[in-house]
Amino acid sequence: MSEGSISGDGASFIKHGGVKTTVSRTAQDAEQVTDKDGPFDSNAVAALDRTRSTFSAWTIIKFLWDLLFAAPPICFLVYASLVYTNDAKPIDVEPVPRLEKVSKWMPTIFPIVFAAITGNLLKAIASWKLERGISVLSLEFLLSSRTVFSTVTTPFAIRMVNWATPFLIILWALSPIGGLSDH
């Protein structure tokens, strides 16, 4: 398999041995999957079909998982607003002692939460771009940049630097900055 691309209408093509193959991702077009030598096996087409049910068990679990990932940033914002509103208060007046105790955990918690959220964000961006059209190499780059180390090493591994490289490095650089902001 030499090259492929996903277009905005959900169809993709794969070049294999000089033959261009069109693969449709919708159930209505399942019978229209063609090759130079004729139609594909319908079981293979069904495996490519990824239609989503609005209220399936997986959708509900995914929604709850997303809510779980939304809770820590909200807690960080609430903490920041409490610190801001209690600025210039004496250290022994409540809630300043509690905020000080919480601040001792922030440098540990923030980078972990940031990495989890950023990794999921990059996966979601890759999925969104896949639905709208993205080259296979760019998709590989996005999915391979889900950690700090892999963001730095991926351009060397795939021998490609694109517009997203500096943005991803800056994005991952925010994690240690946010973790150290409480000191």
Foldseek 3Di string as FASTA:
>chain_A
DPWKKAAQQQWMWDQDPNWIWIAHQAPVCLQVGATPVGHDDSVVNVVSHDDDDCDDPVNVVVVVVVVVLVVVVVVVVVLVVVCVVCPPPDCPDPPNVVSVVVLVCQLVPQLVSLLVVQLVVLVVVLVVCNNHMDTPLVSCLSNQLSAQVSLVCVCVVSVDDDPCSVVSNVSNVVRNVRSPPSD
